[in-house]
Amino acid sequence: MSPSSDKSSNWFMRVFEPKTDFFALLNIQAATTLEGMLALEEWINEGAFERCQKVRDLENEADEHKLELERRLVESFITPFDREDIYDLSIKLDEVINSAKATAREIEALEFRSSDSFLKEMAATLVEGTRCLTQSFYHLQSNHVEAANQATLARKSENRFAKTYRVAMRSLFTLDDFKTLLKTREVYSCMVAAAGKIDVVGEKLVHVIVKIS
């Protein structure tokens, strides 16, 4: 091969080589999402239920990561896999931390004060599911089998959450305090929504892994 051919080939590779590490950007967003869910769990376990600023701050940080990824998608000619899938993963992941903030805001708005053990168990399950999502994103580039395993575990966490929720609701409706019943049910509903968002991301990850494997 002539020197001119080498130069032409190198130029071609430079033009079409991905300039942005989208796997890393998704990893950062996932890690921030996990931090947010951990902050929610810690806040619920403390039981003070004053303004939960840490979850808000982490939600804002995750938004910045999402917006940065969107900017890079617009600027990038080449992506490591379908750009629509990258965008969709980021958007769906953002909904997970949004649901954490929504739960905190609901607790604040209702001035909910409770040492409810079911609430703590639900929060722990949300953390577990989010951690599995984070591990799936971490392995997405280099280990599709493990990425799929972790995404599946994230989806299974939603099933465990549902079992806890059903037991909690059965216990809740034994109360005579109607106001506490209504407040608790509203908070539970927010957490159910969060579990559903985790399941959606897990499902999308499995879909992407099948496509890129």
N, C-alpha and C. Protein backbone atom coordinates (compact mmCIF):
# COMPACT_ATOMS: atom_id res chain seq x y z
N MET A 1 0.86 -1.20 0.00
CA MET A 1 0.00 0.00 0.00
C MET A 1 0.89 1.24 0.00
N SER A 2 0.61 2.18 -0.85
CA SER A 2 1.41 3.39 -0.99
C SER A 2 1.18 4.33 0.19
N PRO A 3 2.16 5.25 0.44
CA PRO A 3 1.99 6.25 1.50
C PRO A 3 0.73 7.06 1.34
N SER A 4 0.39 7.37 0.09
CA SER A 4 -0.82 8.18 -0.14
C SER A 4 -2.07 7.40 0.25
N SER A 5 -2.04 6.07 0.02
CA SER A 5 -3.18 5.23 0.42
C SER A 5 -3.31 5.17 1.93
N ASP A 6 -2.13 5.10 2.61
CA ASP A 6 -2.15 5.08 4.08
C ASP A 6 -2.76 6.36 4.62
N LYS A 7 -2.36 7.48 4.04
CA LYS A 7 -2.89 8.77 4.50
C LYS A 7 -4.39 8.85 4.26
N SER A 8 -4.81 8.36 3.09
CA SER A 8 -6.24 8.39 2.77
C SER A 8 -7.03 7.53 3.74
N SER A 9 -6.48 6.35 4.06
CA SER A 9 -7.15 5.44 4.98
C SER A 9 -7.23 6.04 6.37
N ASN A 10 -6.12 6.65 6.84
CA ASN A 10 -6.11 7.27 8.17
C ASN A 10 -7.09 8.42 8.24
N TRP A 11 -7.15 9.21 7.18
CA TRP A 11 -8.10 10.33 7.14
C TRP A 11 -9.53 9.81 7.24
N PHE A 12 -9.81 8.73 6.50
CA PHE A 12 -11.15 8.14 6.51
C PHE A 12 -11.51 7.66 7.92
N MET A 13 -10.56 7.00 8.58
CA MET A 13 -10.81 6.48 9.93
C MET A 13 -11.04 7.60 10.92
N ARG A 14 -10.28 8.71 10.77
CA ARG A 14 -10.45 9.84 11.69
C ARG A 14 -11.82 10.47 11.52
N VAL A 15 -12.28 10.56 10.28
CA VAL A 15 -13.58 11.18 10.02
C VAL A 15 -14.71 10.37 10.61
N PHE A 16 -14.61 9.04 10.48
CA PHE A 16 -15.73 8.19 10.88
C PHE A 16 -15.55 7.56 12.26
N GLU A 17 -14.48 7.90 12.95
CA GLU A 17 -14.29 7.39 14.30
C GLU A 17 -15.19 8.16 15.27
N PRO A 18 -15.93 7.45 16.15
CA PRO A 18 -16.76 8.15 17.13
C PRO A 18 -15.93 9.08 18.01
N LYS A 19 -16.36 10.33 18.14
CA LYS A 19 -15.61 11.31 18.92
C LYS A 19 -16.08 11.40 20.36
N THR A 20 -17.26 10.87 20.64
CA THR A 20 -17.85 10.96 21.98
C THR A 20 -18.05 9.56 22.55
N ASP A 21 -17.67 9.39 23.82
CA ASP A 21 -17.88 8.12 24.50
C ASP A 21 -19.28 8.12 25.12
N PHE A 22 -20.26 7.67 24.33
CA PHE A 22 -21.64 7.69 24.81
C PHE A 22 -21.87 6.67 25.92
N PHE A 23 -21.09 5.60 25.94
CA PHE A 23 -21.20 4.65 27.04
C PHE A 23 -20.84 5.34 28.36
N ALA A 24 -19.78 6.15 28.33
CA ALA A 24 -19.36 6.86 29.54
C ALA A 24 -20.42 7.87 29.98
N LEU A 25 -21.02 8.57 29.03
CA LEU A 25 -22.05 9.54 29.37
C LEU A 25 -23.26 8.87 30.01
N LEU A 26 -23.66 7.73 29.48
CA LEU A 26 -24.77 6.99 30.08
C LEU A 26 -24.40 6.47 31.46
N ASN A 27 -23.14 6.04 31.62
CA ASN A 27 -22.67 5.57 32.94
C ASN A 27 -22.75 6.67 33.98
N ILE A 28 -22.33 7.87 33.60
CA ILE A 28 -22.36 9.00 34.53
C ILE A 28 -23.79 9.33 34.93
N GLN A 29 -24.68 9.34 33.96
CA GLN A 29 -26.09 9.63 34.26
C GLN A 29 -26.68 8.55 35.16
N ALA A 30 -26.35 7.29 34.89
CA ALA A 30 -26.86 6.19 35.72
C ALA A 30 -26.33 6.28 37.14
N ALA A 31 -25.05 6.60 37.29
CA ALA A 31 -24.45 6.70 38.62
C ALA A 31 -25.10 7.83 39.43
N THR A 32 -25.39 8.94 38.78
CA THR A 32 -26.05 10.05 39.45
C THR A 32 -27.47 9.68 39.86
N THR A 33 -28.14 8.92 39.00
CA THR A 33 -29.49 8.44 39.30
C THR A 33 -29.48 7.55 40.54
N LEU A 34 -28.49 6.67 40.62
CA LEU A 34 -28.36 5.81 41.80
C LEU A 34 -28.11 6.65 43.06
N GLU A 35 -27.26 7.66 42.95
CA GLU A 35 -27.02 8.55 44.09
C GLU A 35 -28.31 9.19 44.56
N GLY A 36 -29.14 9.60 43.61
CA GLY A 36 -30.41 10.23 43.95
C GLY A 36 -31.34 9.28 44.68
N MET A 37 -31.40 8.04 44.21
CA MET A 37 -32.27 7.06 44.86
C MET A 37 -31.73 6.69 46.24
N LEU A 38 -30.43 6.62 46.39
CA LEU A 38 -29.82 6.37 47.70
C LEU A 38 -30.13 7.52 48.66
N ALA A 39 -30.10 8.74 48.14
CA ALA A 39 -30.41 9.91 48.97
C ALA A 39 -31.86 9.86 49.44
N LEU A 40 -32.75 9.43 48.56
CA LEU A 40 -34.16 9.29 48.95
C LEU A 40 -34.31 8.24 50.05
N GLU A 41 -33.65 7.10 49.87
CA GLU A 41 -33.73 6.05 50.89
C GLU A 41 -33.21 6.54 52.23
N GLU A 42 -32.06 7.22 52.22
CA GLU A 42 -31.48 7.72 53.46
C GLU A 42 -32.42 8.71 54.15
N TRP A 43 -33.01 9.59 53.37
CA TRP A 43 -33.93 10.60 53.89
C TRP A 43 -35.17 9.94 54.51
N ILE A 44 -35.71 8.92 53.85
CA ILE A 44 -36.87 8.20 54.38
C ILE A 44 -36.50 7.46 55.66
N ASN A 45 -35.33 6.84 55.68
CA ASN A 45 -34.91 6.10 56.87
C ASN A 45 -34.67 7.00 58.07
N GLU A 46 -34.23 8.24 57.81
CA GLU A 46 -34.02 9.19 58.90
C GLU A 46 -35.35 9.60 59.52
N GLY A 47 -36.39 9.66 58.70
CA GLY A 47 -37.73 9.94 59.20
C GLY A 47 -38.01 11.37 59.58
N ALA A 48 -37.08 12.30 59.29
CA ALA A 48 -37.31 13.70 59.64
C ALA A 48 -38.30 14.35 58.66
N PHE A 49 -38.11 14.03 57.38
CA PHE A 49 -39.00 14.48 56.32
C PHE A 49 -39.10 16.01 56.21
N GLU A 50 -38.01 16.69 56.54
CA GLU A 50 -37.90 18.09 56.17
C GLU A 50 -37.51 18.13 54.70
N ARG A 51 -37.34 19.32 54.14
CA ARG A 51 -37.08 19.45 52.71
C ARG A 51 -35.89 18.58 52.28
N CYS A 52 -36.11 17.78 51.26
CA CYS A 52 -35.08 16.85 50.78
C CYS A 52 -34.28 17.50 49.65
N GLN A 53 -33.35 18.35 50.01
CA GLN A 53 -32.61 19.12 49.02
C GLN A 53 -31.64 18.26 48.23
N LYS A 54 -31.08 17.24 48.88
CA LYS A 54 -30.06 16.43 48.20
C LYS A 54 -30.63 15.72 46.97
N VAL A 55 -31.85 15.19 47.08
CA VAL A 55 -32.47 14.54 45.92
C VAL A 55 -32.70 15.55 44.81
N ARG A 56 -33.13 16.76 45.18
CA ARG A 56 -33.33 17.81 44.18
C ARG A 56 -32.02 18.16 43.47
N ASP A 57 -30.95 18.29 44.24
CA ASP A 57 -29.65 18.64 43.66
C ASP A 57 -29.17 17.56 42.70
N LEU A 58 -29.33 16.31 43.09
CA LEU A 58 -28.89 15.21 42.23
C LEU A 58 -29.78 15.09 41.00
N GLU A 59 -31.06 15.39 41.14
CA GLU A 59 -31.94 15.39 39.97
C GLU A 59 -31.52 16.46 38.97
N ASN A 60 -31.14 17.62 39.48
CA ASN A 60 -30.64 18.69 38.60
C ASN A 60 -29.33 18.28 37.92
N GLU A 61 -28.46 17.62 38.68
CA GLU A 61 -27.19 17.15 38.12
C GLU A 61 -27.43 16.12 37.02
N ALA A 62 -28.37 15.20 37.26
CA ALA A 62 -28.70 14.19 36.25
C ALA A 62 -29.28 14.84 35.00
N ASP A 63 -30.06 15.89 35.18
CA ASP A 63 -30.60 16.63 34.03
C ASP A 63 -29.47 17.20 33.17
N GLU A 64 -28.45 17.73 33.83
CA GLU A 64 -27.30 18.28 33.09
C GLU A 64 -26.60 17.19 32.29
N HIS A 65 -26.45 16.02 32.89
CA HIS A 65 -25.82 14.90 32.16
C HIS A 65 -26.67 14.51 30.95
N LYS A 66 -27.98 14.49 31.14
CA LYS A 66 -28.88 14.15 30.03
C LYS A 66 -28.77 15.18 28.91
N LEU A 67 -28.76 16.47 29.27
CA LEU A 67 -28.67 17.53 28.27
C LEU A 67 -27.33 17.50 27.53
N GLU A 68 -26.26 17.17 28.26
CA GLU A 68 -24.95 17.05 27.62
C GLU A 68 -24.95 15.91 26.61
N LEU A 69 -25.55 14.80 26.98
CA LEU A 69 -25.64 13.67 26.06
C LEU A 69 -26.44 14.06 24.82
N GLU A 70 -27.52 14.79 25.00
CA GLU A 70 -28.34 15.22 23.86
C GLU A 70 -27.54 16.15 22.94
N ARG A 71 -26.76 17.06 23.52
CA ARG A 71 -25.92 17.96 22.71
C ARG A 71 -24.91 17.17 21.90
N ARG A 72 -24.30 16.18 22.54
CA ARG A 72 -23.30 15.37 21.85
C ARG A 72 -23.94 14.54 20.72
N LEU A 73 -25.15 14.08 20.94
CA LEU A 73 -25.84 13.34 19.88
C LEU A 73 -26.07 14.21 18.65
N VAL A 74 -26.45 15.44 18.89
CA VAL A 74 -26.69 16.37 17.77
C VAL A 74 -25.40 16.63 17.01
N GLU A 75 -24.30 16.73 17.73
CA GLU A 75 -23.01 17.08 17.12
C GLU A 75 -22.31 15.89 16.47
N SER A 76 -22.66 14.67 16.88
CA SER A 76 -21.90 13.48 16.46
C SER A 76 -22.43 12.89 15.16
N PHE A 77 -21.48 12.60 14.29
CA PHE A 77 -21.82 11.97 13.02
C PHE A 77 -21.95 10.46 13.19
N ILE A 78 -21.11 9.90 14.08
CA ILE A 78 -21.08 8.47 14.32
C ILE A 78 -21.38 8.20 15.79
N THR A 79 -22.20 7.18 16.07
CA THR A 79 -22.47 6.76 17.45
C THR A 79 -22.22 5.26 17.56
N PRO A 80 -21.90 4.75 18.75
CA PRO A 80 -21.55 3.33 18.89
C PRO A 80 -22.72 2.39 18.65
N PHE A 81 -23.95 2.87 18.83
CA PHE A 81 -25.14 2.13 18.43
C PHE A 81 -26.24 3.14 18.12
N ASP A 82 -27.36 2.67 17.71
CA ASP A 82 -28.45 3.52 17.22
C ASP A 82 -28.64 4.76 18.10
N ARG A 83 -28.56 5.95 17.50
CA ARG A 83 -28.65 7.19 18.26
C ARG A 83 -30.02 7.34 18.93
N GLU A 84 -31.06 6.81 18.29
CA GLU A 84 -32.39 6.88 18.91
C GLU A 84 -32.45 6.03 20.17
N ASP A 85 -31.75 4.91 20.18
CA ASP A 85 -31.70 4.08 21.37
C ASP A 85 -30.91 4.76 22.49
N ILE A 86 -29.81 5.41 22.13
CA ILE A 86 -29.03 6.16 23.13
C ILE A 86 -29.90 7.24 23.76
N TYR A 87 -30.59 7.99 22.92
CA TYR A 87 -31.46 9.05 23.40
C TYR A 87 -32.57 8.49 24.29
N ASP A 88 -33.18 7.41 23.85
CA ASP A 88 -34.30 6.82 24.59
C ASP A 88 -33.85 6.29 25.95
N LEU A 89 -32.68 5.66 26.00
CA LEU A 89 -32.14 5.18 27.28
C LEU A 89 -31.94 6.34 28.25
N SER A 90 -31.39 7.43 27.76
CA SER A 90 -31.14 8.59 28.61
C SER A 90 -32.44 9.20 29.12
N ILE A 91 -33.42 9.33 28.24
CA ILE A 91 -34.71 9.92 28.62
C ILE A 91 -35.42 9.06 29.65
N LYS A 92 -35.43 7.76 29.42
CA LYS A 92 -36.11 6.85 30.34
C LYS A 92 -35.39 6.78 31.69
N LEU A 93 -34.06 6.85 31.64
CA LEU A 93 -33.28 6.86 32.88
C LEU A 93 -33.56 8.13 33.68
N ASP A 94 -33.73 9.24 32.99
CA ASP A 94 -34.05 10.50 33.66
C ASP A 94 -35.37 10.41 34.42
N GLU A 95 -36.29 9.64 33.91
CA GLU A 95 -37.59 9.49 34.57
C GLU A 95 -37.48 8.76 35.90
N VAL A 96 -36.43 7.96 36.06
CA VAL A 96 -36.23 7.25 37.33
C VAL A 96 -35.90 8.25 38.44
N ILE A 97 -34.94 9.14 38.19
CA ILE A 97 -34.59 10.10 39.24
C ILE A 97 -35.68 11.16 39.40
N ASN A 98 -36.41 11.44 38.32
CA ASN A 98 -37.56 12.34 38.45
C ASN A 98 -38.60 11.76 39.40
N SER A 99 -38.77 10.44 39.35
CA SER A 99 -39.74 9.80 40.23
C SER A 99 -39.28 9.82 41.68
N ALA A 100 -37.96 9.78 41.89
CA ALA A 100 -37.43 9.91 43.26
C ALA A 100 -37.75 11.30 43.81
N LYS A 101 -37.53 12.31 42.99
CA LYS A 101 -37.85 13.67 43.43
C LYS A 101 -39.35 13.83 43.66
N ALA A 102 -40.16 13.24 42.79
CA ALA A 102 -41.61 13.34 42.95
C ALA A 102 -42.06 12.71 44.26
N THR A 103 -41.43 11.61 44.65
CA THR A 103 -41.77 10.96 45.92
C THR A 103 -41.42 11.86 47.09
N ALA A 104 -40.23 12.45 47.04
CA ALA A 104 -39.82 13.36 48.11
C ALA A 104 -40.76 14.55 48.21
N ARG A 105 -41.13 15.11 47.09
CA ARG A 105 -42.03 16.27 47.09
C ARG A 105 -43.41 15.91 47.63
N GLU A 106 -43.88 14.71 47.32
CA GLU A 106 -45.18 14.28 47.83
C GLU A 106 -45.16 14.15 49.35
N ILE A 107 -44.09 13.56 49.85
CA ILE A 107 -43.94 13.41 51.31
C ILE A 107 -43.91 14.78 51.98
N GLU A 108 -43.17 15.71 51.37
CA GLU A 108 -43.10 17.07 51.91
C GLU A 108 -44.46 17.75 51.89
N ALA A 109 -45.13 17.66 50.75
CA ALA A 109 -46.41 18.36 50.57
C ALA A 109 -47.46 17.86 51.56
N LEU A 110 -47.44 16.55 51.81
CA LEU A 110 -48.43 15.96 52.72
C LEU A 110 -48.01 16.06 54.18
N GLU A 111 -46.80 16.58 54.40
CA GLU A 111 -46.24 16.61 55.75
C GLU A 111 -46.36 15.22 56.39
N PHE A 112 -45.93 14.27 55.61
CA PHE A 112 -46.07 12.86 55.99
C PHE A 112 -45.03 12.50 57.03
N ARG A 113 -45.48 12.03 58.18
CA ARG A 113 -44.59 11.61 59.25
C ARG A 113 -44.91 10.17 59.58
N SER A 114 -43.98 9.28 59.33
CA SER A 114 -44.27 7.87 59.56
C SER A 114 -42.98 7.09 59.75
N SER A 115 -43.04 6.08 60.60
CA SER A 115 -41.92 5.14 60.75
C SER A 115 -42.28 3.83 60.06
N ASP A 116 -43.13 3.92 59.08
CA ASP A 116 -43.66 2.78 58.32
C ASP A 116 -42.52 1.90 57.80
N SER A 117 -42.47 0.65 58.27
CA SER A 117 -41.41 -0.27 57.84
C SER A 117 -41.57 -0.65 56.36
N PHE A 118 -42.81 -0.67 55.88
CA PHE A 118 -43.03 -0.99 54.47
C PHE A 118 -42.43 0.09 53.57
N LEU A 119 -42.56 1.34 53.99
CA LEU A 119 -42.00 2.44 53.22
C LEU A 119 -40.49 2.28 53.08
N LYS A 120 -39.84 1.90 54.15
CA LYS A 120 -38.39 1.71 54.13
C LYS A 120 -38.01 0.52 53.24
N GLU A 121 -38.81 -0.52 53.30
CA GLU A 121 -38.55 -1.70 52.45
C GLU A 121 -38.72 -1.35 50.98
N MET A 122 -39.74 -0.56 50.67
CA MET A 122 -39.95 -0.14 49.28
C MET A 122 -38.78 0.71 48.80
N ALA A 123 -38.31 1.62 49.64
CA ALA A 123 -37.18 2.48 49.26
C ALA A 123 -35.94 1.65 49.00
N ALA A 124 -35.71 0.64 49.84
CA ALA A 124 -34.54 -0.25 49.64
C ALA A 124 -34.65 -1.01 48.33
N THR A 125 -35.85 -1.42 47.96
CA THR A 125 -36.04 -2.16 46.70
C THR A 125 -35.81 -1.25 45.50
N LEU A 126 -36.23 0.01 45.62
CA LEU A 126 -35.96 0.97 44.54
C LEU A 126 -34.46 1.18 44.36
N VAL A 127 -33.74 1.23 45.46
CA VAL A 127 -32.27 1.37 45.38
C VAL A 127 -31.67 0.14 44.72
N GLU A 128 -32.14 -1.03 45.12
CA GLU A 128 -31.63 -2.27 44.55
C GLU A 128 -31.84 -2.31 43.04
N GLY A 129 -33.04 -1.95 42.59
CA GLY A 129 -33.33 -1.94 41.17
C GLY A 129 -32.49 -0.94 40.41
N THR A 130 -32.31 0.24 40.99
CA THR A 130 -31.51 1.28 40.34
C THR A 130 -30.04 0.88 40.29
N ARG A 131 -29.57 0.21 41.33
CA ARG A 131 -28.18 -0.27 41.32
C ARG A 131 -27.97 -1.29 40.20
N CYS A 132 -28.94 -2.16 39.99
CA CYS A 132 -28.84 -3.14 38.89
C CYS A 132 -28.81 -2.43 37.54
N LEU A 133 -29.62 -1.39 37.39
CA LEU A 133 -29.57 -0.61 36.15
C LEU A 133 -28.18 -0.02 35.94
N THR A 134 -27.62 0.52 37.00
CA THR A 134 -26.29 1.14 36.91
C THR A 134 -25.25 0.11 36.49
N GLN A 135 -25.33 -1.10 37.04
CA GLN A 135 -24.41 -2.16 36.66
C GLN A 135 -24.62 -2.57 35.21
N SER A 136 -25.86 -2.58 34.75
CA SER A 136 -26.13 -2.92 33.36
C SER A 136 -25.50 -1.90 32.41
N PHE A 137 -25.65 -0.62 32.72
CA PHE A 137 -25.01 0.42 31.90
C PHE A 137 -23.49 0.28 31.94
N TYR A 138 -22.94 -0.06 33.10
CA TYR A 138 -21.50 -0.21 33.24
C TYR A 138 -20.95 -1.30 32.31
N HIS A 139 -21.70 -2.40 32.16
CA HIS A 139 -21.25 -3.53 31.34
C HIS A 139 -21.72 -3.45 29.89
N LEU A 140 -22.48 -2.43 29.55
CA LEU A 140 -23.12 -2.37 28.24
C LEU A 140 -22.13 -2.42 27.08
N GLN A 141 -20.98 -1.81 27.25
CA GLN A 141 -20.01 -1.74 26.16
C GLN A 141 -19.22 -3.03 25.99
N SER A 142 -18.87 -3.67 27.10
CA SER A 142 -17.88 -4.75 27.02
C SER A 142 -18.38 -6.14 27.39
N ASN A 143 -19.51 -6.23 28.07
CA ASN A 143 -19.98 -7.53 28.54
C ASN A 143 -21.50 -7.59 28.42
N HIS A 144 -21.97 -7.97 27.25
CA HIS A 144 -23.40 -7.95 26.99
C HIS A 144 -24.17 -8.96 27.84
N VAL A 145 -23.54 -10.08 28.16
CA VAL A 145 -24.21 -11.09 28.97
C VAL A 145 -24.49 -10.54 30.37
N GLU A 146 -23.49 -9.93 30.98
CA GLU A 146 -23.68 -9.38 32.32
C GLU A 146 -24.61 -8.17 32.30
N ALA A 147 -24.49 -7.38 31.25
CA ALA A 147 -25.40 -6.23 31.11
C ALA A 147 -26.85 -6.69 31.06
N ALA A 148 -27.10 -7.76 30.31
CA ALA A 148 -28.45 -8.30 30.21
C ALA A 148 -28.91 -8.90 31.54
N ASN A 149 -27.99 -9.60 32.24
CA ASN A 149 -28.32 -10.17 33.55
C ASN A 149 -28.75 -9.08 34.53
N GLN A 150 -27.99 -7.99 34.56
CA GLN A 150 -28.29 -6.90 35.49
C GLN A 150 -29.59 -6.19 35.11
N ALA A 151 -29.84 -6.03 33.83
CA ALA A 151 -31.09 -5.41 33.39
C ALA A 151 -32.29 -6.28 33.79
N THR A 152 -32.11 -7.58 33.68
CA THR A 152 -33.18 -8.51 34.07
C THR A 152 -33.42 -8.46 35.58
N LEU A 153 -32.34 -8.36 36.35
CA LEU A 153 -32.48 -8.24 37.81
C LEU A 153 -33.20 -6.94 38.18
N ALA A 154 -32.91 -5.88 37.44
CA ALA A 154 -33.60 -4.61 37.69
C ALA A 154 -35.10 -4.78 37.47
N ARG A 155 -35.46 -5.49 36.43
CA ARG A 155 -36.88 -5.72 36.14
C ARG A 155 -37.52 -6.59 37.23
N LYS A 156 -36.78 -7.57 37.73
CA LYS A 156 -37.31 -8.42 38.78
C LYS A 156 -37.54 -7.65 40.08
N SER A 157 -36.77 -6.60 40.30
CA SER A 157 -36.95 -5.80 41.51
C SER A 157 -38.34 -5.17 41.54
N GLU A 158 -38.89 -4.89 40.37
CA GLU A 158 -40.24 -4.33 40.30
C GLU A 158 -41.26 -5.35 40.80
N ASN A 159 -41.03 -6.62 40.51
CA ASN A 159 -41.92 -7.67 41.00
C ASN A 159 -41.84 -7.79 42.53
N ARG A 160 -40.63 -7.70 43.07
CA ARG A 160 -40.47 -7.75 44.53
C ARG A 160 -41.14 -6.54 45.17
N PHE A 161 -40.99 -5.39 44.52
CA PHE A 161 -41.64 -4.19 45.03
C PHE A 161 -43.16 -4.38 45.08
N ALA A 162 -43.72 -4.96 44.03
CA ALA A 162 -45.17 -5.15 43.95
C ALA A 162 -45.66 -6.05 45.09
N LYS A 163 -44.89 -7.07 45.44
CA LYS A 163 -45.28 -7.94 46.53
C LYS A 163 -45.31 -7.18 47.86
N THR A 164 -44.29 -6.38 48.09
CA THR A 164 -44.26 -5.56 49.31
C THR A 164 -45.44 -4.59 49.34
N TYR A 165 -45.70 -3.99 48.20
CA TYR A 165 -46.80 -3.03 48.10
C TYR A 165 -48.14 -3.67 48.44
N ARG A 166 -48.38 -4.87 47.95
CA ARG A 166 -49.66 -5.52 48.22
C ARG A 166 -49.83 -5.83 49.71
N VAL A 167 -48.77 -6.28 50.34
CA VAL A 167 -48.82 -6.55 51.79
C VAL A 167 -49.04 -5.25 52.55
N ALA A 168 -48.33 -4.21 52.12
CA ALA A 168 -48.43 -2.91 52.79
C ALA A 168 -49.85 -2.34 52.68
N MET A 169 -50.45 -2.47 51.52
CA MET A 169 -51.81 -1.96 51.34
C MET A 169 -52.82 -2.74 52.18
N ARG A 170 -52.62 -4.03 52.29
CA ARG A 170 -53.51 -4.84 53.12
C ARG A 170 -53.42 -4.40 54.58
N SER A 171 -52.19 -4.13 55.02
CA SER A 171 -52.00 -3.65 56.39
C SER A 171 -52.57 -2.24 56.57
N LEU A 172 -52.39 -1.42 55.57
CA LEU A 172 -52.83 -0.03 55.65
C LEU A 172 -54.34 0.08 55.86
N PHE A 173 -55.09 -0.78 55.19
CA PHE A 173 -56.54 -0.68 55.26
C PHE A 173 -57.13 -1.30 56.52
N THR A 174 -56.26 -1.67 57.44
CA THR A 174 -56.74 -2.06 58.77
C THR A 174 -56.79 -0.85 59.70
N LEU A 175 -56.25 0.30 59.25
CA LEU A 175 -56.22 1.50 60.08
C LEU A 175 -57.60 2.17 60.15
N ASP A 176 -57.86 2.78 61.28
CA ASP A 176 -59.08 3.57 61.43
C ASP A 176 -58.84 5.05 61.15
N ASP A 177 -57.56 5.44 61.10
CA ASP A 177 -57.21 6.84 60.86
C ASP A 177 -57.26 7.11 59.35
N PHE A 178 -58.36 7.72 58.91
CA PHE A 178 -58.59 7.93 57.48
C PHE A 178 -57.55 8.87 56.87
N LYS A 179 -57.16 9.90 57.61
CA LYS A 179 -56.18 10.86 57.08
C LYS A 179 -54.82 10.19 56.85
N THR A 180 -54.39 9.42 57.81
CA THR A 180 -53.12 8.70 57.65
C THR A 180 -53.20 7.71 56.50
N LEU A 181 -54.33 7.05 56.37
CA LEU A 181 -54.53 6.09 55.29
C LEU A 181 -54.36 6.76 53.93
N LEU A 182 -55.01 7.92 53.76
CA LEU A 182 -54.94 8.61 52.47
C LEU A 182 -53.52 9.11 52.17
N LYS A 183 -52.88 9.69 53.17
CA LYS A 183 -51.52 10.20 52.97
C LYS A 183 -50.56 9.07 52.59
N THR A 184 -50.66 7.98 53.32
CA THR A 184 -49.76 6.84 53.08
C THR A 184 -49.99 6.26 51.69
N ARG A 185 -51.26 6.17 51.32
CA ARG A 185 -51.56 5.62 50.00
C ARG A 185 -50.98 6.50 48.89
N GLU A 186 -51.04 7.80 49.05
CA GLU A 186 -50.48 8.71 48.04
C GLU A 186 -48.97 8.53 47.92
N VAL A 187 -48.29 8.39 49.04
CA VAL A 187 -46.84 8.20 49.01
C VAL A 187 -46.50 6.85 48.37
N TYR A 188 -47.23 5.82 48.76
CA TYR A 188 -47.02 4.51 48.14
C TYR A 188 -47.19 4.59 46.62
N SER A 189 -48.18 5.33 46.17
CA SER A 189 -48.44 5.45 44.73
C SER A 189 -47.26 6.06 43.99
N CYS A 190 -46.62 7.06 44.60
CA CYS A 190 -45.43 7.67 43.99
C CYS A 190 -44.31 6.64 43.87
N MET A 191 -44.16 5.81 44.88
CA MET A 191 -43.09 4.82 44.87
C MET A 191 -43.39 3.70 43.88
N VAL A 192 -44.67 3.37 43.72
CA VAL A 192 -45.05 2.40 42.69
C VAL A 192 -44.65 2.92 41.31
N ALA A 193 -44.89 4.21 41.08
CA ALA A 193 -44.51 4.82 39.81
C ALA A 193 -43.00 4.73 39.59
N ALA A 194 -42.21 4.95 40.65
CA ALA A 194 -40.75 4.86 40.55
C ALA A 194 -40.31 3.45 40.17
N ALA A 195 -40.93 2.45 40.79
CA ALA A 195 -40.60 1.06 40.47
C ALA A 195 -40.92 0.76 39.01
N GLY A 196 -42.02 1.31 38.53
CA GLY A 196 -42.38 1.13 37.12
C GLY A 196 -41.37 1.74 36.18
N LYS A 197 -40.83 2.90 36.54
CA LYS A 197 -39.82 3.56 35.69
C LYS A 197 -38.55 2.72 35.61
N ILE A 198 -38.17 2.09 36.72
CA ILE A 198 -37.00 1.22 36.73
C ILE A 198 -37.21 0.05 35.78
N ASP A 199 -38.39 -0.53 35.83
CA ASP A 199 -38.73 -1.65 34.95
C ASP A 199 -38.65 -1.25 33.48
N VAL A 200 -39.11 -0.04 33.16
CA VAL A 200 -39.09 0.45 31.78
C VAL A 200 -37.65 0.56 31.26
N VAL A 201 -36.76 1.09 32.10
CA VAL A 201 -35.35 1.21 31.68
C VAL A 201 -34.74 -0.18 31.50
N GLY A 202 -35.04 -1.09 32.43
CA GLY A 202 -34.53 -2.46 32.29
C GLY A 202 -34.98 -3.11 31.00
N GLU A 203 -36.25 -2.92 30.66
CA GLU A 203 -36.78 -3.48 29.42
C GLU A 203 -36.09 -2.88 28.21
N LYS A 204 -35.86 -1.57 28.24
CA LYS A 204 -35.19 -0.90 27.11
C LYS A 204 -33.75 -1.38 26.99
N LEU A 205 -33.08 -1.58 28.10
CA LEU A 205 -31.70 -2.08 28.07
C LEU A 205 -31.64 -3.46 27.42
N VAL A 206 -32.54 -4.34 27.79
CA VAL A 206 -32.56 -5.68 27.19
C VAL A 206 -32.77 -5.57 25.68
N HIS A 207 -33.68 -4.70 25.27
CA HIS A 207 -33.95 -4.48 23.85
C HIS A 207 -32.68 -4.02 23.12
N VAL A 208 -31.97 -3.07 23.70
CA VAL A 208 -30.74 -2.55 23.08
C VAL A 208 -29.67 -3.62 23.03
N ILE A 209 -29.52 -4.37 24.10
CA ILE A 209 -28.48 -5.42 24.16
C ILE A 209 -28.72 -6.47 23.08
N VAL A 210 -29.96 -6.85 22.87
CA VAL A 210 -30.29 -7.80 21.80
C VAL A 210 -29.87 -7.24 20.44
N LYS A 211 -30.08 -5.94 20.23
CA LYS A 211 -29.75 -5.33 18.95
C LYS A 211 -28.26 -5.24 18.70
N ILE A 212 -27.48 -4.97 19.73
CA ILE A 212 -26.05 -4.71 19.52
C ILE A 212 -25.18 -5.94 19.75
N SER A 213 -25.77 -7.02 20.23
CA SER A 213 -24.97 -8.23 20.51
C SER A 213 -24.63 -8.97 19.22
